[in-house]
Amino acid sequence: MTRKGWHIQRKDDTVTVARRLPARFDVSACTVMPSGGRLRLAQQIRQDMWRRLQNLRGFSPVVEVKDVNGALQVTAGGSIDGPFPRASIEEKLATLLADPDLRTRWSAQSAHREVRHG
């Protein structure tokens, strides 16, 4: 399924939002969030990640949110065409995922009931 150029894949307890398919993680960072709407959470994180990394040439964002034992395991990152400074980008991703203000906003947004499409 696509929504405005974004691919949304659902498989079992996992939602993946990606710009291109197949979704690929050349760089990534992970975190755990409280239970909530997986799609809403993925979209919120994707938006903030894109704001921080939009100037990275060849970057194609991917966010995967998986329900694991009542919590949400998040992997955020994506693919990058061409050479890139892996450690620097993964540090930016980890900092983004650890930001307390963003986490509060994401949790509030994902607490709203998730709407299934299709």
PDB file of N, CA and C in Angstrom:
ATOM      1  N   MET A   1       0.845  -1.166   0.000  1.00  0.00           N
ATOM      2  CA  MET A   1       0.000   0.000   0.000  1.00  0.00           C
ATOM      3  C   MET A   1       0.897   1.239   0.000  1.00  0.00           C
ATOM      4  N   THR A   2       0.499   2.266  -0.727  1.00  0.00           N
ATOM      5  CA  THR A   2       1.263   3.514  -0.708  1.00  0.00           C
ATOM      6  C   THR A   2       0.366   4.650  -0.252  1.00  0.00           C
ATOM      7  N   ARG A   3       0.989   5.587   0.420  1.00  0.00           N
ATOM      8  CA  ARG A   3       0.284   6.785   0.848  1.00  0.00           C
ATOM      9  C   ARG A   3       1.194   7.961   0.545  1.00  0.00           C
ATOM     10  N   LYS A   4       0.816   8.726  -0.483  1.00  0.00           N
ATOM     11  CA  LYS A   4       1.596   9.897  -0.890  1.00  0.00           C
ATOM     12  C   LYS A   4       3.068   9.556  -1.093  1.00  0.00           C
ATOM     13  N   GLY A   5       3.334   8.482  -1.807  1.00  0.00           N
ATOM     14  CA  GLY A   5       4.715   8.112  -2.118  1.00  0.00           C
ATOM     15  C   GLY A   5       5.409   7.283  -1.064  1.00  0.00           C
ATOM     16  N   TRP A   6       4.730   6.950   0.024  1.00  0.00           N
ATOM     17  CA  TRP A   6       5.318   6.133   1.088  1.00  0.00           C
ATOM     18  C   TRP A   6       4.680   4.752   1.047  1.00  0.00           C
ATOM     19  N   HIS A   7       5.499   3.736   1.149  1.00  0.00           N
ATOM     20  CA  HIS A   7       5.021   2.361   1.180  1.00  0.00           C
ATOM     21  C   HIS A   7       4.783   1.967   2.625  1.00  0.00           C
ATOM     22  N   ILE A   8       3.616   1.403   2.877  1.00  0.00           N
ATOM     23  CA  ILE A   8       3.264   0.944   4.217  1.00  0.00           C
ATOM     24  C   ILE A   8       3.044  -0.558   4.126  1.00  0.00           C
ATOM     25  N   GLN A   9       3.898  -1.301   4.816  1.00  0.00           N
ATOM     26  CA  GLN A   9       3.793  -2.757   4.813  1.00  0.00           C
ATOM     27  C   GLN A   9       3.398  -3.234   6.202  1.00  0.00           C
ATOM     28  N   ARG A  10       2.464  -4.160   6.247  1.00  0.00           N
ATOM     29  CA  ARG A  10       2.043  -4.773   7.508  1.00  0.00           C
ATOM     30  C   ARG A  10       2.278  -6.265   7.397  1.00  0.00           C
ATOM     31  N   LYS A  11       2.959  -6.805   8.408  1.00  0.00           N
ATOM     32  CA  LYS A  11       3.171  -8.246   8.457  1.00  0.00           C
ATOM     33  C   LYS A  11       3.167  -8.658   9.914  1.00  0.00           C
ATOM     34  N   ASP A  12       2.212  -9.495  10.268  1.00  0.00           N
ATOM     35  CA  ASP A  12       2.048  -9.948  11.645  1.00  0.00           C
ATOM     36  C   ASP A  12       1.956  -8.732  12.573  1.00  0.00           C
ATOM     37  N   ASP A  13       2.879  -8.595  13.508  1.00  0.00           N
ATOM     38  CA  ASP A  13       2.854  -7.501  14.477  1.00  0.00           C
ATOM     39  C   ASP A  13       3.794  -6.364  14.100  1.00  0.00           C
ATOM     40  N   THR A  14       4.156  -6.260  12.813  1.00  0.00           N
ATOM     41  CA  THR A  14       5.136  -5.278  12.364  1.00  0.00           C
ATOM     42  C   THR A  14       4.561  -4.372  11.284  1.00  0.00           C
ATOM     43  N   VAL A  15       4.840  -3.077  11.423  1.00  0.00           N
ATOM     44  CA  VAL A  15       4.495  -2.092  10.396  1.00  0.00           C
ATOM     45  C   VAL A  15       5.797  -1.456   9.937  1.00  0.00           C
ATOM     46  N   THR A  16       5.975  -1.375   8.623  1.00  0.00           N
ATOM     47  CA  THR A  16       7.158  -0.745   8.051  1.00  0.00           C
ATOM     48  C   THR A  16       6.705   0.367   7.108  1.00  0.00           C
ATOM     49  N   VAL A  17       7.287   1.552   7.298  1.00  0.00           N
ATOM     50  CA  VAL A  17       7.024   2.698   6.429  1.00  0.00           C
ATOM     51  C   VAL A  17       8.332   2.997   5.711  1.00  0.00           C
ATOM     52  N   ALA A  18       8.294   3.001   4.383  1.00  0.00           N
ATOM     53  CA  ALA A  18       9.515   3.193   3.602  1.00  0.00           C
ATOM     54  C   ALA A  18       9.234   4.040   2.372  1.00  0.00           C
ATOM     55  N   ARG A  19      10.237   4.754   1.936  1.00  0.00           N
ATOM     56  CA  ARG A  19      10.123   5.546   0.715  1.00  0.00           C
ATOM     57  C   ARG A  19      10.198   4.640  -0.513  1.00  0.00           C
ATOM     58  N   ARG A  20      11.095   3.625  -0.447  1.00  0.00           N
ATOM     59  CA  ARG A  20      11.233   2.694  -1.579  1.00  0.00           C
ATOM     60  C   ARG A  20      11.221   1.252  -1.084  1.00  0.00           C
ATOM     61  N   LEU A  21      10.877   0.393  -2.010  1.00  0.00           N
ATOM     62  CA  LEU A  21      10.912  -1.043  -1.727  1.00  0.00           C
ATOM     63  C   LEU A  21      11.952  -1.692  -2.621  1.00  0.00           C
ATOM     64  N   PRO A  22      12.626  -2.706  -2.152  1.00  0.00           N
ATOM     65  CA  PRO A  22      12.494  -3.258  -0.811  1.00  0.00           C
ATOM     66  C   PRO A  22      13.123  -2.327   0.222  1.00  0.00           C
ATOM     67  N   ALA A  23      12.499  -2.298   1.417  1.00  0.00           N
ATOM     68  CA  ALA A  23      13.025  -1.483   2.514  1.00  0.00           C
ATOM     69  C   ALA A  23      14.376  -2.059   2.926  1.00  0.00           C
ATOM     70  N   ARG A  24      15.338  -1.163   3.150  1.00  0.00           N
ATOM     71  CA  ARG A  24      16.697  -1.605   3.470  1.00  0.00           C
ATOM     72  C   ARG A  24      17.294  -0.673   4.513  1.00  0.00           C
ATOM     73  N   PHE A  25      18.006  -1.263   5.474  1.00  0.00           N
ATOM     74  CA  PHE A  25      18.680  -0.487   6.512  1.00  0.00           C
ATOM     75  C   PHE A  25      20.188  -0.536   6.294  1.00  0.00           C
ATOM     76  N   ASP A  26      20.745   0.512   5.671  1.00  0.00           N
ATOM     77  CA  ASP A  26      22.194   0.671   5.616  1.00  0.00           C
ATOM     78  C   ASP A  26      22.682   1.295   6.914  1.00  0.00           C
ATOM     79  N   VAL A  27      21.850   2.131   7.513  1.00  0.00           N
ATOM     80  CA  VAL A  27      22.105   2.735   8.820  1.00  0.00           C
ATOM     81  C   VAL A  27      20.834   2.580   9.638  1.00  0.00           C
ATOM     82  N   SER A  28      20.990   2.453  10.946  1.00  0.00           N
ATOM     83  CA  SER A  28      19.806   2.341  11.795  1.00  0.00           C
ATOM     84  C   SER A  28      20.163   2.583  13.250  1.00  0.00           C
ATOM     85  N   ALA A  29      19.126   2.847  14.022  1.00  0.00           N
ATOM     86  CA  ALA A  29      19.205   2.922  15.473  1.00  0.00           C
ATOM     87  C   ALA A  29      17.888   2.349  15.976  1.00  0.00           C
ATOM     88  N   CYS A  30      17.906   1.856  17.206  1.00  0.00           N
ATOM     89  CA  CYS A  30      16.720   1.203  17.756  1.00  0.00           C
ATOM     90  C   CYS A  30      16.356   1.798  19.110  1.00  0.00           C
ATOM     91  N   THR A  31      15.084   1.686  19.441  1.00  0.00           N
ATOM     92  CA  THR A  31      14.590   2.087  20.749  1.00  0.00           C
ATOM     93  C   THR A  31      13.335   1.279  21.038  1.00  0.00           C
ATOM     94  N   VAL A  32      12.868   1.381  22.269  1.00  0.00           N
ATOM     95  CA  VAL A  32      11.612   0.744  22.672  1.00  0.00           C
ATOM     96  C   VAL A  32      10.690   1.849  23.162  1.00  0.00           C
ATOM     97  N   MET A  33       9.448   1.801  22.705  1.00  0.00           N
ATOM     98  CA  MET A  33       8.433   2.802  23.066  1.00  0.00           C
ATOM     99  C   MET A  33       7.254   2.078  23.709  1.00  0.00           C
ATOM    100  N   PRO A  34       6.449   2.820  24.475  1.00  0.00           N
ATOM    101  CA  PRO A  34       5.245   2.209  25.052  1.00  0.00           C
ATOM    102  C   PRO A  34       4.282   1.768  23.954  1.00  0.00           C
ATOM    103  N   SER A  35       3.421   0.849  24.288  1.00  0.00           N
ATOM    104  CA  SER A  35       2.431   0.347  23.342  1.00  0.00           C
ATOM    105  C   SER A  35       1.578   1.496  22.806  1.00  0.00           C
ATOM    106  N   GLY A  36       1.189   1.372  21.544  1.00  0.00           N
ATOM    107  CA  GLY A  36       0.359   2.390  20.902  1.00  0.00           C
ATOM    108  C   GLY A  36       0.142   2.016  19.458  1.00  0.00           C
ATOM    109  N   GLY A  37      -0.278   2.976  18.682  1.00  0.00           N
ATOM    110  CA  GLY A  37      -0.525   2.750  17.264  1.00  0.00           C
ATOM    111  C   GLY A  37       0.790   2.677  16.511  1.00  0.00           C
ATOM    112  N   ARG A  38       1.068   1.530  15.935  1.00  0.00           N
ATOM    113  CA  ARG A  38       2.350   1.326  15.235  1.00  0.00           C
ATOM    114  C   ARG A  38       2.512   2.243  14.032  1.00  0.00           C
ATOM    115  N   LEU A  39       1.457   2.372  13.225  1.00  0.00           N
ATOM    116  CA  LEU A  39       1.553   3.200  12.030  1.00  0.00           C
ATOM    117  C   LEU A  39       1.735   4.669  12.397  1.00  0.00           C
ATOM    118  N   ARG A  40       0.962   5.153  13.328  1.00  0.00           N
ATOM    119  CA  ARG A  40       1.098   6.551  13.760  1.00  0.00           C
ATOM    120  C   ARG A  40       2.512   6.816  14.279  1.00  0.00           C
ATOM    121  N   LEU A  41       3.022   5.900  15.088  1.00  0.00           N
ATOM    122  CA  LEU A  41       4.370   6.064  15.637  1.00  0.00           C
ATOM    123  C   LEU A  41       5.404   6.075  14.519  1.00  0.00           C
ATOM    124  N   ALA A  42       5.290   5.135  13.593  1.00  0.00           N
ATOM    125  CA  ALA A  42       6.243   5.060  12.480  1.00  0.00           C
ATOM    126  C   ALA A  42       6.227   6.342  11.655  1.00  0.00           C
ATOM    127  N   GLN A  43       5.043   6.876  11.406  1.00  0.00           N
ATOM    128  CA  GLN A  43       4.941   8.086  10.598  1.00  0.00           C
ATOM    129  C   GLN A  43       5.515   9.300  11.322  1.00  0.00           C
ATOM    130  N   GLN A  44       5.281   9.397  12.611  1.00  0.00           N
ATOM    131  CA  GLN A  44       5.831  10.512  13.381  1.00  0.00           C
ATOM    132  C   GLN A  44       7.357  10.475  13.395  1.00  0.00           C
ATOM    133  N   ILE A  45       7.909   9.294  13.649  1.00  0.00           N
ATOM    134  CA  ILE A  45       9.361   9.154  13.681  1.00  0.00           C
ATOM    135  C   ILE A  45       9.939   9.418  12.297  1.00  0.00           C
ATOM    136  N   ARG A  46       9.293   8.911  11.267  1.00  0.00           N
ATOM    137  CA  ARG A  46       9.764   9.123   9.898  1.00  0.00           C
ATOM    138  C   ARG A  46       9.831  10.609   9.568  1.00  0.00           C
ATOM    139  N   GLN A  47       8.821  11.357   9.962  1.00  0.00           N
ATOM    140  CA  GLN A  47       8.808  12.796   9.689  1.00  0.00           C
ATOM    141  C   GLN A  47       9.976  13.502  10.376  1.00  0.00           C
ATOM    142  N   ASP A  48      10.191  13.208  11.650  1.00  0.00           N
ATOM    143  CA  ASP A  48      11.279  13.870  12.378  1.00  0.00           C
ATOM    144  C   ASP A  48      12.645  13.416  11.884  1.00  0.00           C
ATOM    145  N   MET A  49      12.766  12.149  11.521  1.00  0.00           N
ATOM    146  CA  MET A  49      14.026  11.647  10.980  1.00  0.00           C
ATOM    147  C   MET A  49      14.326  12.349   9.647  1.00  0.00           C
ATOM    148  N   TRP A  50      13.308  12.502   8.808  1.00  0.00           N
ATOM    149  CA  TRP A  50      13.501  13.158   7.519  1.00  0.00           C
ATOM    150  C   TRP A  50      13.939  14.615   7.712  1.00  0.00           C
ATOM    151  N   ARG A  51      13.339  15.292   8.694  1.00  0.00           N
ATOM    152  CA  ARG A  51      13.727  16.684   8.957  1.00  0.00           C
ATOM    153  C   ARG A  51      15.211  16.789   9.308  1.00  0.00           C
ATOM    154  N   ARG A  52      15.714  15.816  10.053  1.00  0.00           N
ATOM    155  CA  ARG A  52      17.121  15.856  10.477  1.00  0.00           C
ATOM    156  C   ARG A  52      18.089  15.411   9.392  1.00  0.00           C
ATOM    157  N   LEU A  53      17.651  14.528   8.504  1.00  0.00           N
ATOM    158  CA  LEU A  53      18.588  13.931   7.540  1.00  0.00           C
ATOM    159  C   LEU A  53      18.258  14.239   6.083  1.00  0.00           C
ATOM    160  N   GLN A  54      17.363  15.174   5.836  1.00  0.00           N
ATOM    161  CA  GLN A  54      16.930  15.428   4.458  1.00  0.00           C
ATOM    162  C   GLN A  54      18.045  15.936   3.549  1.00  0.00           C
ATOM    163  N   ASN A  55      19.090  16.491   4.121  1.00  0.00           N
ATOM    164  CA  ASN A  55      20.196  16.975   3.293  1.00  0.00           C
ATOM    165  C   ASN A  55      21.241  15.900   3.008  1.00  0.00           C
ATOM    166  N   LEU A  56      21.011  14.701   3.501  1.00  0.00           N
ATOM    167  CA  LEU A  56      21.927  13.588   3.263  1.00  0.00           C
ATOM    168  C   LEU A  56      21.636  13.016   1.878  1.00  0.00           C
ATOM    169  N   ARG A  57      22.539  13.232   0.976  1.00  0.00           N
ATOM    170  CA  ARG A  57      22.352  12.816  -0.419  1.00  0.00           C
ATOM    171  C   ARG A  57      22.125  11.303  -0.518  1.00  0.00           C
ATOM    172  N   GLY A  58      21.074  10.925  -1.241  1.00  0.00           N
ATOM    173  CA  GLY A  58      20.778   9.522  -1.494  1.00  0.00           C
ATOM    174  C   GLY A  58      20.059   8.800  -0.360  1.00  0.00           C
ATOM    175  N   PHE A  59      19.616   9.540   0.662  1.00  0.00           N
ATOM    176  CA  PHE A  59      18.964   8.917   1.824  1.00  0.00           C
ATOM    177  C   PHE A  59      17.517   8.578   1.521  1.00  0.00           C
ATOM    178  N   SER A  60      17.114   7.359   1.870  1.00  0.00           N
ATOM    179  CA  SER A  60      15.743   6.903   1.711  1.00  0.00           C
ATOM    180  C   SER A  60      15.278   6.323   3.055  1.00  0.00           C
ATOM    181  N   PRO A  61      14.425   7.032   3.783  1.00  0.00           N
ATOM    182  CA  PRO A  61      14.045   6.636   5.140  1.00  0.00           C
ATOM    183  C   PRO A  61      13.216   5.355   5.217  1.00  0.00           C
ATOM    184  N   VAL A  62      13.432   4.645   6.336  1.00  0.00           N
ATOM    185  CA  VAL A  62      12.651   3.456   6.666  1.00  0.00           C
ATOM    186  C   VAL A  62      12.439   3.455   8.182  1.00  0.00           C
ATOM    187  N   VAL A  63      11.216   3.183   8.605  1.00  0.00           N
ATOM    188  CA  VAL A  63      10.927   2.999  10.023  1.00  0.00           C
ATOM    189  C   VAL A  63      10.132   1.715  10.168  1.00  0.00           C
ATOM    190  N   GLU A  64      10.614   0.859  11.051  1.00  0.00           N
ATOM    191  CA  GLU A  64       9.922  -0.406  11.334  1.00  0.00           C
ATOM    192  C   GLU A  64       9.503  -0.389  12.798  1.00  0.00           C
ATOM    193  N   VAL A  65       8.237  -0.692  13.056  1.00  0.00           N
ATOM    194  CA  VAL A  65       7.710  -0.734  14.418  1.00  0.00           C
ATOM    195  C   VAL A  65       7.082  -2.102  14.629  1.00  0.00           C
ATOM    196  N   LYS A  66       7.591  -2.790  15.645  1.00  0.00           N
ATOM    197  CA  LYS A  66       7.146  -4.154  15.923  1.00  0.00           C
ATOM    198  C   LYS A  66       6.625  -4.246  17.349  1.00  0.00           C
ATOM    199  N   ASP A  67       5.466  -4.873  17.505  1.00  0.00           N
ATOM    200  CA  ASP A  67       4.886  -5.098  18.827  1.00  0.00           C
ATOM    201  C   ASP A  67       5.589  -6.303  19.450  1.00  0.00           C
ATOM    202  N   VAL A  68       6.284  -6.069  20.569  1.00  0.00           N
ATOM    203  CA  VAL A  68       7.008  -7.133  21.256  1.00  0.00           C
ATOM    204  C   VAL A  68       6.636  -7.102  22.739  1.00  0.00           C
ATOM    205  N   ASN A  69       5.895  -8.098  23.179  1.00  0.00           N
ATOM    206  CA  ASN A  69       5.518  -8.220  24.586  1.00  0.00           C
ATOM    207  C   ASN A  69       4.888  -6.956  25.156  1.00  0.00           C
ATOM    208  N   GLY A  70       3.980  -6.342  24.407  1.00  0.00           N
ATOM    209  CA  GLY A  70       3.253  -5.181  24.896  1.00  0.00           C
ATOM    210  C   GLY A  70       3.979  -3.852  24.750  1.00  0.00           C
ATOM    211  N   ALA A  71       5.166  -3.852  24.189  1.00  0.00           N
ATOM    212  CA  ALA A  71       5.901  -2.615  23.913  1.00  0.00           C
ATOM    213  C   ALA A  71       6.169  -2.548  22.416  1.00  0.00           C
ATOM    214  N   LEU A  72       6.626  -1.407  21.954  1.00  0.00           N
ATOM    215  CA  LEU A  72       6.914  -1.235  20.533  1.00  0.00           C
ATOM    216  C   LEU A  72       8.413  -1.104  20.323  1.00  0.00           C
ATOM    217  N   GLN A  73       8.975  -2.036  19.571  1.00  0.00           N
ATOM    218  CA  GLN A  73      10.390  -2.007  19.210  1.00  0.00           C
ATOM    219  C   GLN A  73      10.506  -1.246  17.898  1.00  0.00           C
ATOM    220  N   VAL A  74      11.279  -0.161  17.920  1.00  0.00           N
ATOM    221  CA  VAL A  74      11.399   0.722  16.765  1.00  0.00           C
ATOM    222  C   VAL A  74      12.810   0.634  16.188  1.00  0.00           C
ATOM    223  N   THR A  75      12.882   0.450  14.884  1.00  0.00           N
ATOM    224  CA  THR A  75      14.143   0.563  14.152  1.00  0.00           C
ATOM    225  C   THR A  75      13.949   1.674  13.136  1.00  0.00           C
ATOM    226  N   ALA A  76      14.792   2.705  13.222  1.00  0.00           N
ATOM    227  CA  ALA A  76      14.692   3.848  12.319  1.00  0.00           C
ATOM    228  C   ALA A  76      16.015   4.028  11.598  1.00  0.00           C
ATOM    229  N   GLY A  77      15.935   4.343  10.325  1.00  0.00           N
ATOM    230  CA  GLY A  77      17.137   4.543   9.526  1.00  0.00           C
ATOM    231  C   GLY A  77      16.753   4.519   8.074  1.00  0.00           C
ATOM    232  N   GLY A  78      17.512   3.759   7.303  1.00  0.00           N
ATOM    233  CA  GLY A  78      17.167   3.639   5.904  1.00  0.00           C
ATOM    234  C   GLY A  78      18.354   3.298   5.038  1.00  0.00           C
ATOM    235  N   SER A  79      18.144   3.441   3.752  1.00  0.00           N
ATOM    236  CA  SER A  79      19.200   3.152   2.791  1.00  0.00           C
ATOM    237  C   SER A  79      19.822   4.464   2.321  1.00  0.00           C
ATOM    238  N   ILE A  80      21.078   4.353   1.892  1.00  0.00           N
ATOM    239  CA  ILE A  80      21.791   5.523   1.392  1.00  0.00           C
ATOM    240  C   ILE A  80      22.556   5.102   0.149  1.00  0.00           C
ATOM    241  N   ASP A  81      22.282   5.784  -0.946  1.00  0.00           N
ATOM    242  CA  ASP A  81      23.006   5.520  -2.188  1.00  0.00           C
ATOM    243  C   ASP A  81      24.315   6.303  -2.152  1.00  0.00           C
ATOM    244  N   GLY A  82      25.424   5.605  -2.272  1.00  0.00           N
ATOM    245  CA  GLY A  82      26.725   6.260  -2.278  1.00  0.00           C
ATOM    246  C   GLY A  82      27.406   6.177  -0.924  1.00  0.00           C
ATOM    247  N   PRO A  83      28.611   6.739  -0.838  1.00  0.00           N
ATOM    248  CA  PRO A  83      29.369   6.694   0.413  1.00  0.00           C
ATOM    249  C   PRO A  83      28.737   7.599   1.470  1.00  0.00           C
ATOM    250  N   PHE A  84      28.904   7.225   2.737  1.00  0.00           N
ATOM    251  CA  PHE A  84      28.320   8.005   3.825  1.00  0.00           C
ATOM    252  C   PHE A  84      29.071   7.711   5.123  1.00  0.00           C
ATOM    253  N   PRO A  85      29.052   8.667   6.070  1.00  0.00           N
ATOM    254  CA  PRO A  85      29.719   8.485   7.368  1.00  0.00           C
ATOM    255  C   PRO A  85      28.810   7.723   8.340  1.00  0.00           C
ATOM    256  N   ARG A  86      28.886   6.398   8.319  1.00  0.00           N
ATOM    257  CA  ARG A  86      27.975   5.545   9.092  1.00  0.00           C
ATOM    258  C   ARG A  86      27.881   5.937  10.570  1.00  0.00           C
ATOM    259  N   ALA A  87      29.013   6.061  11.256  1.00  0.00           N
ATOM    260  CA  ALA A  87      28.997   6.329  12.695  1.00  0.00           C
ATOM    261  C   ALA A  87      28.295   7.651  13.007  1.00  0.00           C
ATOM    262  N   SER A  88      28.562   8.669  12.224  1.00  0.00           N
ATOM    263  CA  SER A  88      27.955   9.982  12.438  1.00  0.00           C
ATOM    264  C   SER A  88      26.438   9.939  12.240  1.00  0.00           C
ATOM    265  N   ILE A  89      26.005   9.256  11.208  1.00  0.00           N
ATOM    266  CA  ILE A  89      24.571   9.184  10.920  1.00  0.00           C
ATOM    267  C   ILE A  89      23.860   8.341  11.976  1.00  0.00           C
ATOM    268  N   GLU A  90      24.454   7.230  12.369  1.00  0.00           N
ATOM    269  CA  GLU A  90      23.819   6.398  13.394  1.00  0.00           C
ATOM    270  C   GLU A  90      23.772   7.117  14.738  1.00  0.00           C
ATOM    271  N   GLU A  91      24.744   7.961  15.019  1.00  0.00           N
ATOM    272  CA  GLU A  91      24.711   8.770  16.241  1.00  0.00           C
ATOM    273  C   GLU A  91      23.552   9.776  16.178  1.00  0.00           C
ATOM    274  N   LYS A  92      23.343  10.391  15.013  1.00  0.00           N
ATOM    275  CA  LYS A  92      22.220  11.314  14.850  1.00  0.00           C
ATOM    276  C   LYS A  92      20.889  10.588  15.029  1.00  0.00           C
ATOM    277  N   LEU A  93      20.790   9.386  14.491  1.00  0.00           N
ATOM    278  CA  LEU A  93      19.559   8.601  14.637  1.00  0.00           C
ATOM    279  C   LEU A  93      19.309   8.233  16.101  1.00  0.00           C
ATOM    280  N   ALA A  94      20.352   7.795  16.791  1.00  0.00           N
ATOM    281  CA  ALA A  94      20.213   7.423  18.209  1.00  0.00           C
ATOM    282  C   ALA A  94      19.811   8.638  19.046  1.00  0.00           C
ATOM    283  N   THR A  95      20.407   9.792  18.744  1.00  0.00           N
ATOM    284  CA  THR A  95      20.060  11.026  19.459  1.00  0.00           C
ATOM    285  C   THR A  95      18.609  11.396  19.214  1.00  0.00           C
ATOM    286  N   LEU A  96      18.157  11.270  17.989  1.00  0.00           N
ATOM    287  CA  LEU A  96      16.766  11.541  17.652  1.00  0.00           C
ATOM    288  C   LEU A  96      15.833  10.635  18.450  1.00  0.00           C
ATOM    289  N   LEU A  97      16.112   9.340  18.451  1.00  0.00           N
ATOM    290  CA  LEU A  97      15.236   8.381  19.127  1.00  0.00           C
ATOM    291  C   LEU A  97      15.246   8.537  20.648  1.00  0.00           C
ATOM    292  N   ALA A  98      16.292   9.146  21.192  1.00  0.00           N
ATOM    293  CA  ALA A  98      16.405   9.330  22.642  1.00  0.00           C
ATOM    294  C   ALA A  98      15.883  10.689  23.111  1.00  0.00           C
ATOM    295  N   ASP A  99      15.536  11.569  22.191  1.00  0.00           N
ATOM    296  CA  ASP A  99      15.097  12.924  22.545  1.00  0.00           C
ATOM    297  C   ASP A  99      13.808  12.853  23.375  1.00  0.00           C
ATOM    298  N   PRO A 100      13.841  13.299  24.635  1.00  0.00           N
ATOM    299  CA  PRO A 100      12.665  13.154  25.506  1.00  0.00           C
ATOM    300  C   PRO A 100      11.439  13.931  25.022  1.00  0.00           C
ATOM    301  N   ASP A 101      11.643  15.107  24.435  1.00  0.00           N
ATOM    302  CA  ASP A 101      10.497  15.880  23.935  1.00  0.00           C
ATOM    303  C   ASP A 101       9.826  15.181  22.756  1.00  0.00           C
ATOM    304  N   LEU A 102      10.647  14.653  21.840  1.00  0.00           N
ATOM    305  CA  LEU A 102      10.081  13.926  20.703  1.00  0.00           C
ATOM    306  C   LEU A 102       9.379  12.653  21.162  1.00  0.00           C
ATOM    307  N   ARG A 103      10.003  11.931  22.085  1.00  0.00           N
ATOM    308  CA  ARG A 103       9.395  10.688  22.582  1.00  0.00           C
ATOM    309  C   ARG A 103       8.033  10.959  23.215  1.00  0.00           C
ATOM    310  N   THR A 104       7.929  12.066  23.951  1.00  0.00           N
ATOM    311  CA  THR A 104       6.656  12.431  24.572  1.00  0.00           C
ATOM    312  C   THR A 104       5.607  12.706  23.503  1.00  0.00           C
ATOM    313  N   ARG A 105       5.990  13.463  22.463  1.00  0.00           N
ATOM    314  CA  ARG A 105       5.050  13.768  21.379  1.00  0.00           C
ATOM    315  C   ARG A 105       4.657  12.502  20.627  1.00  0.00           C
ATOM    316  N   TRP A 106       5.663  11.665  20.311  1.00  0.00           N
ATOM    317  CA  TRP A 106       5.363  10.424  19.593  1.00  0.00           C
ATOM    318  C   TRP A 106       4.412   9.538  20.381  1.00  0.00           C
ATOM    319  N   SER A 107       4.662   9.424  21.690  1.00  0.00           N
ATOM    320  CA  SER A 107       3.799   8.583  22.533  1.00  0.00           C
ATOM    321  C   SER A 107       2.376   9.114  22.555  1.00  0.00           C
ATOM    322  N   ALA A 108       2.239  10.435  22.666  1.00  0.00           N
ATOM    323  CA  ALA A 108       0.905  11.031  22.687  1.00  0.00           C
ATOM    324  C   ALA A 108       0.184  10.776  21.361  1.00  0.00           C
ATOM    325  N   GLN A 109       0.896  10.951  20.246  1.00  0.00           N
ATOM    326  CA  GLN A 109       0.289  10.729  18.936  1.00  0.00           C
ATOM    327  C   GLN A 109      -0.072   9.267  18.711  1.00  0.00           C
ATOM    328  N   SER A 110       0.795   8.358  19.132  1.00  0.00           N
ATOM    329  CA  SER A 110       0.533   6.936  18.877  1.00  0.00           C
ATOM    330  C   SER A 110      -0.478   6.356  19.851  1.00  0.00           C
ATOM    331  N   ALA A 111      -0.806   7.093  20.915  1.00  0.00           N
ATOM    332  CA  ALA A 111      -1.800   6.614  21.873  1.00  0.00           C
ATOM    333  C   ALA A 111      -3.204   6.638  21.271  1.00  0.00           C
ATOM    334  N   HIS A 112      -3.408   7.457  20.246  1.00  0.00           N
ATOM    335  CA  HIS A 112      -4.705   7.475  19.574  1.00  0.00           C
ATOM    336  C   HIS A 112      -4.893   6.143  18.856  1.00  0.00           C
ATOM    337  N   ARG A 113      -6.104   5.700  18.790  1.00  0.00           N
ATOM    338  CA  ARG A 113      -6.393   4.406  18.190  1.00  0.00           C
ATOM    339  C   ARG A 113      -5.874   4.323  16.755  1.00  0.00           C
ATOM    340  N   GLU A 114      -5.208   3.230  16.460  1.00  0.00           N
ATOM    341  CA  GLU A 114      -4.688   3.024  15.106  1.00  0.00           C
ATOM    342  C   GLU A 114      -5.815   2.628  14.174  1.00  0.00           C
ATOM    343  N   VAL A 115      -5.848   3.258  13.020  1.00  0.00           N
ATOM    344  CA  VAL A 115      -6.874   2.978  12.008  1.00  0.00           C
ATOM    345  C   VAL A 115      -6.234   2.071  10.954  1.00  0.00           C
ATOM    346  N   ARG A 116      -6.877   0.953  10.690  1.00  0.00           N
ATOM    347  CA  ARG A 116      -6.369   0.022   9.673  1.00  0.00           C
ATOM    348  C   ARG A 116      -6.946   0.406   8.324  1.00  0.00           C
ATOM    349  N   HIS A 117      -6.065   0.401   7.332  1.00  0.00           N
ATOM    350  CA  HIS A 117      -6.495   0.696   5.961  1.00  0.00           C
ATOM    351  C   HIS A 117      -6.360  -0.581   5.145  1.00  0.00           C
ATOM    352  N   GLY A 118      -7.400  -0.881   4.388  1.00  0.00           N
ATOM    353  CA  GLY A 118      -7.357  -2.023   3.478  1.00  0.00           C
ATOM    354  C   GLY A 118      -7.397  -3.262   4.227  1.00  0.00           C
TER     355      GLY A 118
END
